[in-house]
Amino acid sequence: MKAADPDRVIAAARSWLGTPYHDQASLKGVGCDCLGLARGVWREVVGPEPFPIPPYSPDWGEIGPREVLAEGARSMMSEIAPANAGPGALVLFRRDSRAIAKHVGILTGPDTFLHAYERLGVIEKPLTQAWRRRIAFAFLFPQR
């Protein structure tokens, strides 16, 4: 699977900046959560979503060992080592070292990333050590 142009991924992701946070939404300028942001970038870079996302609650994945987001991404994208992730890569974060990965971001530079965050919406911010050490998985968007 050939990877999408990172510049195209980043431009698509940045076009979502300022979109308000809204749980389970994926509408640029209207509202999205972190997964909705990734879904919107997928639609712009790759095309239609390959399958519908079932409804989920804010506490989904709080129990159980399954890496649901990673499994879904793995079925559609090329997985790479987090240490090899560069601009344009989709990264999955663990909020806690004992929890599954359930937050999504897109790297926009060697030390920056973009994500949708409660109360803040879609923002671009520094990839601090606190964020960097939480990266559990990394994937590349496929080329259309």
Protein backbone atom coordinates (compact mmCIF):
# COMPACT_ATOMS: atom_id res chain seq x y z
CA MET A 1 0.00 0.00 0.00
CA LYS A 2 1.52 3.31 -1.09
CA ALA A 3 1.32 6.14 1.45
CA ALA A 4 -0.49 9.41 0.76
CA ASP A 5 1.58 12.56 0.30
CA PRO A 6 2.27 13.86 3.84
CA ASP A 7 1.85 17.49 2.68
CA ARG A 8 -1.64 16.65 1.43
CA VAL A 9 -2.53 14.97 4.74
CA ILE A 10 -1.25 17.95 6.73
CA ALA A 11 -3.10 20.48 4.54
CA ALA A 12 -6.33 18.51 4.92
CA ALA A 13 -5.85 18.26 8.69
CA ARG A 14 -5.05 21.97 9.05
CA SER A 15 -8.22 22.84 7.14
CA TRP A 16 -10.08 21.53 10.22
CA LEU A 17 -8.39 23.99 12.61
CA GLY A 18 -10.95 25.81 14.71
CA THR A 19 -13.67 23.19 14.25
CA PRO A 20 -15.47 22.95 17.61
CA TYR A 21 -15.31 19.77 19.65
CA HIS A 22 -18.42 17.63 19.38
CA ASP A 23 -18.50 14.01 20.51
CA GLN A 24 -18.93 11.50 17.63
CA ALA A 25 -19.21 14.22 14.95
CA SER A 26 -17.11 14.57 11.81
CA LEU A 27 -18.17 17.80 10.06
CA LYS A 28 -15.50 20.38 9.25
CA GLY A 29 -16.32 23.76 10.75
CA VAL A 30 -19.32 22.32 12.60
CA GLY A 31 -17.93 19.77 15.06
CA CYS A 32 -15.77 16.71 15.54
CA ASP A 33 -13.98 14.63 18.12
CA CYS A 34 -10.50 13.21 17.60
CA LEU A 35 -11.76 10.20 15.65
CA GLY A 36 -14.07 12.44 13.63
CA LEU A 37 -11.08 14.57 12.65
CA ALA A 38 -9.21 11.49 11.39
CA ARG A 39 -12.33 10.35 9.52
CA GLY A 40 -12.67 13.77 7.87
CA VAL A 41 -9.03 13.81 6.80
CA TRP A 42 -9.49 10.28 5.42
CA ARG A 43 -12.45 11.47 3.31
CA GLU A 44 -10.43 14.39 1.92
CA VAL A 45 -7.22 12.45 1.26
CA VAL A 46 -8.35 8.90 0.49
CA GLY A 47 -12.09 8.96 -0.33
CA PRO A 48 -15.26 7.55 1.21
CA GLU A 49 -14.97 5.89 4.59
CA PRO A 50 -14.66 2.10 4.17
CA PHE A 51 -17.16 1.27 6.93
CA PRO A 52 -19.51 3.10 9.31
CA ILE A 53 -18.30 3.84 12.82
CA PRO A 54 -20.74 2.49 15.42
CA PRO A 55 -21.89 4.83 18.21
CA TYR A 56 -19.54 4.98 21.19
CA SER A 57 -19.68 6.52 24.65
CA PRO A 58 -17.05 8.81 26.17
CA ASP A 59 -15.93 5.96 28.44
CA TRP A 60 -15.61 3.33 25.67
CA GLY A 61 -12.63 1.08 26.08
CA GLU A 62 -12.17 1.83 29.75
CA ILE A 63 -12.13 -1.89 30.43
CA GLY A 64 -10.85 -4.76 28.34
CA PRO A 65 -7.59 -5.43 26.55
CA ARG A 66 -8.65 -4.90 22.89
CA GLU A 67 -6.93 -2.08 21.03
CA VAL A 68 -10.07 -1.18 19.07
CA LEU A 69 -8.69 1.94 17.35
CA ALA A 70 -5.43 0.25 16.41
CA GLU A 71 -7.27 -2.78 15.02
CA GLY A 72 -9.48 -0.54 12.89
CA ALA A 73 -6.58 1.55 11.60
CA ARG A 74 -4.51 -1.56 10.90
CA SER A 75 -7.25 -2.89 8.61
CA MET A 76 -7.04 0.21 6.34
CA MET A 77 -3.62 1.78 6.81
CA SER A 78 0.06 0.84 6.89
CA GLU A 79 1.34 0.55 10.44
CA ILE A 80 4.77 1.98 11.20
CA ALA A 81 6.83 2.10 14.36
CA PRO A 82 5.95 5.16 16.44
CA ALA A 83 9.65 6.11 16.45
CA ASN A 84 9.51 6.29 12.63
CA ALA A 85 6.36 8.42 12.48
CA GLY A 86 6.85 11.73 10.73
CA PRO A 87 4.66 14.54 9.48
CA GLY A 88 1.38 13.27 8.03
CA ALA A 89 1.25 10.15 10.21
CA LEU A 90 -1.83 9.28 12.24
CA VAL A 91 -0.82 8.56 15.83
CA LEU A 92 -2.81 6.88 18.58
CA PHE A 93 -2.19 7.94 22.16
CA ARG A 94 -2.68 6.18 25.48
CA ARG A 95 -3.99 8.58 28.09
CA ASP A 96 -2.62 6.28 30.78
CA SER A 97 0.16 3.70 30.49
CA ARG A 98 -2.24 0.94 31.62
CA ALA A 99 -5.07 1.90 29.27
CA ILE A 100 -5.76 1.18 25.63
CA ALA A 101 -4.99 3.82 23.00
CA LYS A 102 -8.09 5.95 22.51
CA HIS A 103 -6.97 9.42 21.42
CA VAL A 104 -6.02 10.27 17.84
CA GLY A 105 -3.76 12.94 16.40
CA ILE A 106 -2.00 13.76 13.15
CA LEU A 107 1.66 14.78 13.15
CA THR A 108 2.17 18.09 11.33
CA GLY A 109 5.90 18.51 11.89
CA PRO A 110 8.74 16.88 13.79
CA ASP A 111 7.53 18.48 17.01
CA THR A 112 3.89 19.42 16.36
CA PHE A 113 0.57 17.63 16.00
CA LEU A 114 -3.06 18.41 15.42
CA HIS A 115 -5.99 16.89 17.30
CA ALA A 116 -9.52 17.57 18.52
CA TYR A 117 -9.72 18.17 22.24
CA GLU A 118 -12.72 18.67 24.53
CA ARG A 119 -13.57 22.34 25.10
CA LEU A 120 -10.81 23.43 22.67
CA GLY A 121 -11.87 21.88 19.36
CA VAL A 122 -9.31 21.18 16.64
CA ILE A 123 -5.96 22.67 17.60
CA GLU A 124 -2.32 22.34 16.59
CA LYS A 125 0.15 22.17 19.42
CA PRO A 126 3.68 21.15 20.35
CA LEU A 127 4.39 17.44 20.59
CA THR A 128 5.87 17.68 24.07
CA GLN A 129 7.60 14.77 25.79
CA ALA A 130 4.39 14.19 27.77
CA TRP A 131 2.48 13.65 24.51
CA ARG A 132 5.32 11.88 22.67
CA ARG A 133 5.70 9.18 25.33
CA ARG A 134 1.97 8.41 25.09
CA ILE A 135 2.13 7.47 21.39
CA ALA A 136 1.28 3.77 21.20
CA PHE A 137 0.71 3.27 17.46
CA ALA A 138 1.38 5.10 14.21
CA PHE A 139 -0.12 4.66 10.74
CA LEU A 140 0.17 6.15 7.27
CA PHE A 141 -2.85 7.24 5.26
CA PRO A 142 -2.97 5.31 1.98
CA GLN A 143 -2.77 7.01 -1.36
CA ARG A 144 -6.08 7.41 -3.17
